[in-house]
């Protein structure tokens, strides 16, 4: 079952990164925020075993960190 979670997390990350390449008109800060939120969501999902609250919390924290990078 853990293997399935890892495969799902990697697939979601790949899809999200592919989708973000279509956002070429985004500023660097916007891109950093989106990347941070994606990485945070995947990290939160992995650390909490797929919990929705953990995923949302990870996305929120990752988004804030991504937004603050390069300030």
PDB file of N, CA and C in Angstrom:
ATOM      1  N   UNK A   1       0.817  -1.188   0.000  1.00  0.00           N
ATOM      2  CA  UNK A   1       0.000   0.000   0.000  1.00  0.00           C
ATOM      3  C   UNK A   1       0.870   1.265   0.000  1.00  0.00           C
ATOM      4  N   UNK A   2       1.997   1.223   0.714  1.00  0.00           N
ATOM      5  CA  UNK A   2       2.870   2.395   0.742  1.00  0.00           C
ATOM      6  C   UNK A   2       3.468   2.662  -0.631  1.00  0.00           C
ATOM      7  N   UNK A   3       3.729   1.598  -1.382  1.00  0.00           N
ATOM      8  CA  UNK A   3       4.250   1.763  -2.733  1.00  0.00           C
ATOM      9  C   UNK A   3       3.236   2.500  -3.597  1.00  0.00           C
ATOM     10  N   UNK A   4       1.964   2.193  -3.418  1.00  0.00           N
ATOM     11  CA  UNK A   4       0.915   2.859  -4.176  1.00  0.00           C
ATOM     12  C   UNK A   4       0.866   4.347  -3.841  1.00  0.00           C
ATOM     13  N   UNK A   5       1.048   4.692  -2.572  1.00  0.00           N
ATOM     14  CA  UNK A   5       1.063   6.098  -2.171  1.00  0.00           C
ATOM     15  C   UNK A   5       2.249   6.833  -2.797  1.00  0.00           C
ATOM     16  N   UNK A   6       3.404   6.187  -2.829  1.00  0.00           N
ATOM     17  CA  UNK A   6       4.588   6.812  -3.424  1.00  0.00           C
ATOM     18  C   UNK A   6       4.394   7.027  -4.914  1.00  0.00           C
ATOM     19  N   UNK A   7       3.847   6.047  -5.580  1.00  0.00           N
ATOM     20  CA  UNK A   7       3.600   6.174  -7.024  1.00  0.00           C
ATOM     21  C   UNK A   7       2.597   7.289  -7.284  1.00  0.00           C
ATOM     22  N   UNK A   8       1.553   7.368  -6.471  1.00  0.00           N
ATOM     23  CA  UNK A   8       0.555   8.429  -6.639  1.00  0.00           C
ATOM     24  C   UNK A   8       1.174   9.798  -6.392  1.00  0.00           C
ATOM     25  N   UNK A   9       1.994   9.926  -5.378  1.00  0.00           N
ATOM     26  CA  UNK A   9       2.619  11.209  -5.071  1.00  0.00           C
ATOM     27  C   UNK A   9       3.557  11.645  -6.190  1.00  0.00           C
ATOM     28  N   UNK A  10       4.333  10.728  -6.713  1.00  0.00           N
ATOM     29  CA  UNK A  10       5.244  11.054  -7.811  1.00  0.00           C
ATOM     30  C   UNK A  10       4.456  11.433  -9.056  1.00  0.00           C
ATOM     31  N   UNK A  11       3.382  10.723  -9.333  1.00  0.00           N
ATOM     32  CA  UNK A  11       2.556  11.023 -10.505  1.00  0.00           C
ATOM     33  C   UNK A  11       1.910  12.400 -10.388  1.00  0.00           C
ATOM     34  N   UNK A  12       1.388  12.707  -9.207  1.00  0.00           N
ATOM     35  CA  UNK A  12       0.756  14.012  -9.002  1.00  0.00           C
ATOM     36  C   UNK A  12       1.779  15.125  -9.151  1.00  0.00           C
ATOM     37  N   UNK A  13       2.965  14.919  -8.613  1.00  0.00           N
ATOM     38  CA  UNK A  13       4.022  15.920  -8.736  1.00  0.00           C
ATOM     39  C   UNK A  13       4.386  16.136 -10.202  1.00  0.00           C
ATOM     40  N   UNK A  14       4.537  15.064 -10.945  1.00  0.00           N
ATOM     41  CA  UNK A  14       4.891  15.178 -12.360  1.00  0.00           C
ATOM     42  C   UNK A  14       3.805  15.903 -13.149  1.00  0.00           C
ATOM     43  N   UNK A  15       2.568  15.585 -12.856  1.00  0.00           N
ATOM     44  CA  UNK A  15       1.457  16.243 -13.553  1.00  0.00           C
ATOM     45  C   UNK A  15       1.401  17.722 -13.197  1.00  0.00           C
ATOM     46  N   UNK A  16       1.595  18.033 -11.921  1.00  0.00           N
ATOM     47  CA  UNK A  16       1.562  19.431 -11.495  1.00  0.00           C
ATOM     48  C   UNK A  16       2.698  20.228 -12.127  1.00  0.00           C
ATOM     49  N   UNK A  17       3.882  19.662 -12.168  1.00  0.00           N
ATOM     50  CA  UNK A  17       5.012  20.367 -12.778  1.00  0.00           C
ATOM     51  C   UNK A  17       4.801  20.552 -14.275  1.00  0.00           C
ATOM     52  N   UNK A  18       4.209  19.561 -14.914  1.00  0.00           N
ATOM     53  CA  UNK A  18       3.906  19.685 -16.341  1.00  0.00           C
ATOM     54  C   UNK A  18       2.869  20.778 -16.568  1.00  0.00           C
ATOM     55  N   UNK A  19       1.871  20.844 -15.717  1.00  0.00           N
ATOM     56  CA  UNK A  19       0.832  21.862 -15.855  1.00  0.00           C
ATOM     57  C   UNK A  19       1.402  23.258 -15.630  1.00  0.00           C
ATOM     58  N   UNK A  20       2.356  23.375 -14.737  1.00  0.00           N
ATOM     59  CA  UNK A  20       2.930  24.692 -14.451  1.00  0.00           C
ATOM     60  C   UNK A  20       3.776  25.223 -15.591  1.00  0.00           C
ATOM     61  N   UNK A  21       4.264  24.356 -16.463  1.00  0.00           N
ATOM     62  CA  UNK A  21       5.058  24.850 -17.584  1.00  0.00           C
ATOM     63  C   UNK A  21       4.198  25.649 -18.550  1.00  0.00           C
ATOM     64  N   UNK A  22       2.899  25.453 -18.502  1.00  0.00           N
ATOM     65  CA  UNK A  22       1.992  26.214 -19.345  1.00  0.00           C
ATOM     66  C   UNK A  22       1.740  27.619 -18.839  1.00  0.00           C
ATOM     67  N   UNK A  23       2.260  27.944 -17.684  1.00  0.00           N
ATOM     68  CA  UNK A  23       2.047  29.260 -17.071  1.00  0.00           C
ATOM     69  C   UNK A  23       3.257  30.149 -17.319  1.00  0.00           C
ATOM     70  N   UNK A  24       3.624  30.323 -18.560  1.00  0.00           N
ATOM     71  CA  UNK A  24       4.838  31.069 -18.883  1.00  0.00           C
ATOM     72  C   UNK A  24       4.713  32.559 -18.591  1.00  0.00           C
ATOM     73  N   UNK A  25       3.498  33.068 -18.453  1.00  0.00           N
ATOM     74  CA  UNK A  25       3.339  34.494 -18.185  1.00  0.00           C
ATOM     75  C   UNK A  25       3.331  34.807 -16.691  1.00  0.00           C
ATOM     76  N   UNK A  26       3.614  33.822 -15.851  1.00  0.00           N
ATOM     77  CA  UNK A  26       3.647  34.041 -14.410  1.00  0.00           C
ATOM     78  C   UNK A  26       4.967  34.695 -14.015  1.00  0.00           C
ATOM     79  N   UNK A  27       4.915  35.518 -12.966  1.00  0.00           N
ATOM     80  CA  UNK A  27       6.144  36.113 -12.457  1.00  0.00           C
ATOM     81  C   UNK A  27       6.953  35.046 -11.736  1.00  0.00           C
ATOM     82  N   UNK A  28       8.198  35.360 -11.444  1.00  0.00           N
ATOM     83  CA  UNK A  28       9.053  34.420 -10.733  1.00  0.00           C
ATOM     84  C   UNK A  28       8.479  34.118  -9.360  1.00  0.00           C
ATOM     85  N   UNK A  29       7.962  35.115  -8.685  1.00  0.00           N
ATOM     86  CA  UNK A  29       7.376  34.905  -7.357  1.00  0.00           C
ATOM     87  C   UNK A  29       6.159  33.981  -7.451  1.00  0.00           C
ATOM     88  N   UNK A  30       5.324  34.167  -8.474  1.00  0.00           N
ATOM     89  CA  UNK A  30       4.153  33.296  -8.647  1.00  0.00           C
ATOM     90  C   UNK A  30       4.581  31.849  -8.898  1.00  0.00           C
ATOM     91  N   UNK A  31       5.614  31.676  -9.706  1.00  0.00           N
ATOM     92  CA  UNK A  31       6.109  30.328  -9.990  1.00  0.00           C
ATOM     93  C   UNK A  31       6.661  29.685  -8.722  1.00  0.00           C
ATOM     94  N   UNK A  32       7.424  30.455  -7.939  1.00  0.00           N
ATOM     95  CA  UNK A  32       7.968  29.920  -6.692  1.00  0.00           C
ATOM     96  C   UNK A  32       6.850  29.523  -5.734  1.00  0.00           C
ATOM     97  N   UNK A  33       5.791  30.324  -5.675  1.00  0.00           N
ATOM     98  CA  UNK A  33       4.658  30.010  -4.807  1.00  0.00           C
ATOM     99  C   UNK A  33       3.986  28.714  -5.247  1.00  0.00           C
ATOM    100  N   UNK A  34       3.759  28.568  -6.543  1.00  0.00           N
ATOM    101  CA  UNK A  34       3.108  27.359  -7.066  1.00  0.00           C
ATOM    102  C   UNK A  34       3.972  26.120  -6.835  1.00  0.00           C
ATOM    103  N   UNK A  35       5.261  26.245  -7.066  1.00  0.00           N
ATOM    104  CA  UNK A  35       6.164  25.113  -6.859  1.00  0.00           C
ATOM    105  C   UNK A  35       6.214  24.752  -5.378  1.00  0.00           C
ATOM    106  N   UNK A  36       6.306  25.764  -4.530  1.00  0.00           N
ATOM    107  CA  UNK A  36       6.328  25.510  -3.088  1.00  0.00           C
ATOM    108  C   UNK A  36       5.062  24.827  -2.616  1.00  0.00           C
ATOM    109  N   UNK A  37       3.922  25.267  -3.120  1.00  0.00           N
ATOM    110  CA  UNK A  37       2.651  24.656  -2.734  1.00  0.00           C
ATOM    111  C   UNK A  37       2.569  23.208  -3.205  1.00  0.00           C
ATOM    112  N   UNK A  38       3.055  22.941  -4.392  1.00  0.00           N
ATOM    113  CA  UNK A  38       3.028  21.578  -4.921  1.00  0.00           C
ATOM    114  C   UNK A  38       3.925  20.649  -4.102  1.00  0.00           C
ATOM    115  N   UNK A  39       5.149  21.106  -3.866  1.00  0.00           N
ATOM    116  CA  UNK A  39       6.084  20.290  -3.097  1.00  0.00           C
ATOM    117  C   UNK A  39       5.573  20.096  -1.670  1.00  0.00           C
ATOM    118  N   UNK A  40       5.019  21.159  -1.091  1.00  0.00           N
ATOM    119  CA  UNK A  40       4.474  21.062   0.259  1.00  0.00           C
ATOM    120  C   UNK A  40       3.300  20.100   0.338  1.00  0.00           C
ATOM    121  N   UNK A  41       2.438  20.134  -0.654  1.00  0.00           N
ATOM    122  CA  UNK A  41       1.288  19.227  -0.668  1.00  0.00           C
ATOM    123  C   UNK A  41       1.735  17.774  -0.760  1.00  0.00           C
ATOM    124  N   UNK A  42       2.686  17.506  -1.620  1.00  0.00           N
ATOM    125  CA  UNK A  42       3.188  16.137  -1.750  1.00  0.00           C
ATOM    126  C   UNK A  42       3.876  15.702  -0.456  1.00  0.00           C
ATOM    127  N   UNK A  43       4.702  16.584   0.099  1.00  0.00           N
ATOM    128  CA  UNK A  43       5.376  16.268   1.357  1.00  0.00           C
ATOM    129  C   UNK A  43       4.386  16.031   2.486  1.00  0.00           C
ATOM    130  N   UNK A  44       3.372  16.890   2.576  1.00  0.00           N
ATOM    131  CA  UNK A  44       2.355  16.717   3.606  1.00  0.00           C
ATOM    132  C   UNK A  44       1.582  15.430   3.442  1.00  0.00           C
ATOM    133  N   UNK A  45       1.285  15.072   2.213  1.00  0.00           N
ATOM    134  CA  UNK A  45       0.558  13.824   1.955  1.00  0.00           C
ATOM    135  C   UNK A  45       1.401  12.612   2.330  1.00  0.00           C
ATOM    136  N   UNK A  46       2.675  12.663   2.012  1.00  0.00           N
ATOM    137  CA  UNK A  46       3.551  11.535   2.319  1.00  0.00           C
ATOM    138  C   UNK A  46       3.739  11.401   3.827  1.00  0.00           C
ATOM    139  N   UNK A  47       3.987  12.526   4.494  1.00  0.00           N
ATOM    140  CA  UNK A  47       4.257  12.476   5.937  1.00  0.00           C
ATOM    141  C   UNK A  47       3.041  12.075   6.763  1.00  0.00           C
ATOM    142  N   UNK A  48       1.845  12.393   6.288  1.00  0.00           N
ATOM    143  CA  UNK A  48       0.640  12.077   7.053  1.00  0.00           C
ATOM    144  C   UNK A  48      -0.112  10.876   6.502  1.00  0.00           C
ATOM    145  N   UNK A  49       0.463  10.177   5.562  1.00  0.00           N
ATOM    146  CA  UNK A  49      -0.177   8.982   5.022  1.00  0.00           C
ATOM    147  C   UNK A  49      -1.377   9.280   4.140  1.00  0.00           C
ATOM    148  N   UNK A  50      -1.381  10.428   3.480  1.00  0.00           N
ATOM    149  CA  UNK A  50      -2.456  10.768   2.566  1.00  0.00           C
ATOM    150  C   UNK A  50      -3.600  11.539   3.190  1.00  0.00           C
ATOM    151  N   UNK A  51      -3.423  12.032   4.401  1.00  0.00           N
ATOM    152  CA  UNK A  51      -4.463  12.801   5.084  1.00  0.00           C
ATOM    153  C   UNK A  51      -4.742  14.095   4.320  1.00  0.00           C
ATOM    154  N   UNK A  52      -6.005  14.422   4.177  1.00  0.00           N
ATOM    155  CA  UNK A  52      -6.386  15.649   3.492  1.00  0.00           C
ATOM    156  C   UNK A  52      -5.908  16.889   4.221  1.00  0.00           C
ATOM    157  N   UNK A  53      -5.978  16.848   5.542  1.00  0.00           N
ATOM    158  CA  UNK A  53      -5.523  17.995   6.335  1.00  0.00           C
ATOM    159  C   UNK A  53      -4.014  18.154   6.207  1.00  0.00           C
ATOM    160  N   UNK A  54      -3.281  17.056   6.234  1.00  0.00           N
ATOM    161  CA  UNK A  54      -1.832  17.113   6.072  1.00  0.00           C
ATOM    162  C   UNK A  54      -1.435  17.626   4.703  1.00  0.00           C
ATOM    163  N   UNK A  55      -2.168  17.216   3.678  1.00  0.00           N
ATOM    164  CA  UNK A  55      -1.887  17.675   2.328  1.00  0.00           C
ATOM    165  C   UNK A  55      -2.155  19.170   2.186  1.00  0.00           C
ATOM    166  N   UNK A  56      -3.298  19.617   2.700  1.00  0.00           N
ATOM    167  CA  UNK A  56      -3.639  21.041   2.620  1.00  0.00           C
ATOM    168  C   UNK A  56      -2.676  21.880   3.449  1.00  0.00           C
ATOM    169  N   UNK A  57      -2.328  21.389   4.632  1.00  0.00           N
ATOM    170  CA  UNK A  57      -1.375  22.115   5.474  1.00  0.00           C
ATOM    171  C   UNK A  57      -0.015  22.217   4.819  1.00  0.00           C
ATOM    172  N   UNK A  58       0.442  21.135   4.217  1.00  0.00           N
ATOM    173  CA  UNK A  58       1.717  21.148   3.509  1.00  0.00           C
ATOM    174  C   UNK A  58       1.704  22.109   2.334  1.00  0.00           C
ATOM    175  N   UNK A  59       0.581  22.145   1.625  1.00  0.00           N
ATOM    176  CA  UNK A  59       0.461  23.075   0.491  1.00  0.00           C
ATOM    177  C   UNK A  59       0.508  24.517   0.959  1.00  0.00           C
ATOM    178  N   UNK A  60      -0.168  24.797   2.063  1.00  0.00           N
ATOM    179  CA  UNK A  60      -0.184  26.165   2.584  1.00  0.00           C
ATOM    180  C   UNK A  60       1.210  26.601   3.038  1.00  0.00           C
ATOM    181  N   UNK A  61       1.869  25.752   3.794  1.00  0.00           N
ATOM    182  CA  UNK A  61       3.216  26.088   4.278  1.00  0.00           C
ATOM    183  C   UNK A  61       4.189  26.202   3.105  1.00  0.00           C
ATOM    184  N   UNK A  62       4.123  25.262   2.174  1.00  0.00           N
ATOM    185  CA  UNK A  62       5.007  25.302   1.001  1.00  0.00           C
ATOM    186  C   UNK A  62       4.766  26.540   0.149  1.00  0.00           C
ATOM    187  N   UNK A  63       3.513  26.935   0.001  1.00  0.00           N
ATOM    188  CA  UNK A  63       3.201  28.133  -0.769  1.00  0.00           C
ATOM    189  C   UNK A  63       3.770  29.388  -0.138  1.00  0.00           C
ATOM    190  N   UNK A  64       3.658  29.478   1.181  1.00  0.00           N
ATOM    191  CA  UNK A  64       4.199  30.645   1.893  1.00  0.00           C
ATOM    192  C   UNK A  64       5.721  30.678   1.759  1.00  0.00           C
ATOM    193  N   UNK A  65       6.362  29.533   1.954  1.00  0.00           N
ATOM    194  CA  UNK A  65       7.817  29.488   1.829  1.00  0.00           C
ATOM    195  C   UNK A  65       8.252  29.830   0.394  1.00  0.00           C
ATOM    196  N   UNK A  66       7.558  29.273  -0.587  1.00  0.00           N
ATOM    197  CA  UNK A  66       7.883  29.583  -1.981  1.00  0.00           C
ATOM    198  C   UNK A  66       7.692  31.047  -2.300  1.00  0.00           C
ATOM    199  N   UNK A  67       6.690  31.658  -1.714  1.00  0.00           N
ATOM    200  CA  UNK A  67       6.425  33.082  -1.951  1.00  0.00           C
ATOM    201  C   UNK A  67       7.517  33.960  -1.346  1.00  0.00           C
ATOM    202  N   UNK A  68       8.060  33.539  -0.212  1.00  0.00           N
ATOM    203  CA  UNK A  68       9.059  34.337   0.486  1.00  0.00           C
ATOM    204  C   UNK A  68      10.475  34.174  -0.078  1.00  0.00           C
ATOM    205  N   UNK A  69      10.702  33.130  -0.850  1.00  0.00           N
ATOM    206  CA  UNK A  69      12.048  32.909  -1.422  1.00  0.00           C
ATOM    207  C   UNK A  69      12.340  34.010  -2.442  1.00  0.00           C
ATOM    208  N   UNK A  70      13.525  34.544  -2.351  1.00  0.00           N
ATOM    209  CA  UNK A  70      13.943  35.570  -3.303  1.00  0.00           C
ATOM    210  C   UNK A  70      13.429  36.953  -3.010  1.00  0.00           C
ATOM    211  N   UNK A  71      12.930  37.147  -1.847  1.00  0.00           N
ATOM    212  CA  UNK A  71      12.380  38.441  -1.476  1.00  0.00           C
ATOM    213  C   UNK A  71      13.441  39.442  -1.223  1.00  0.00           C
TER     214      UNK A  71
END
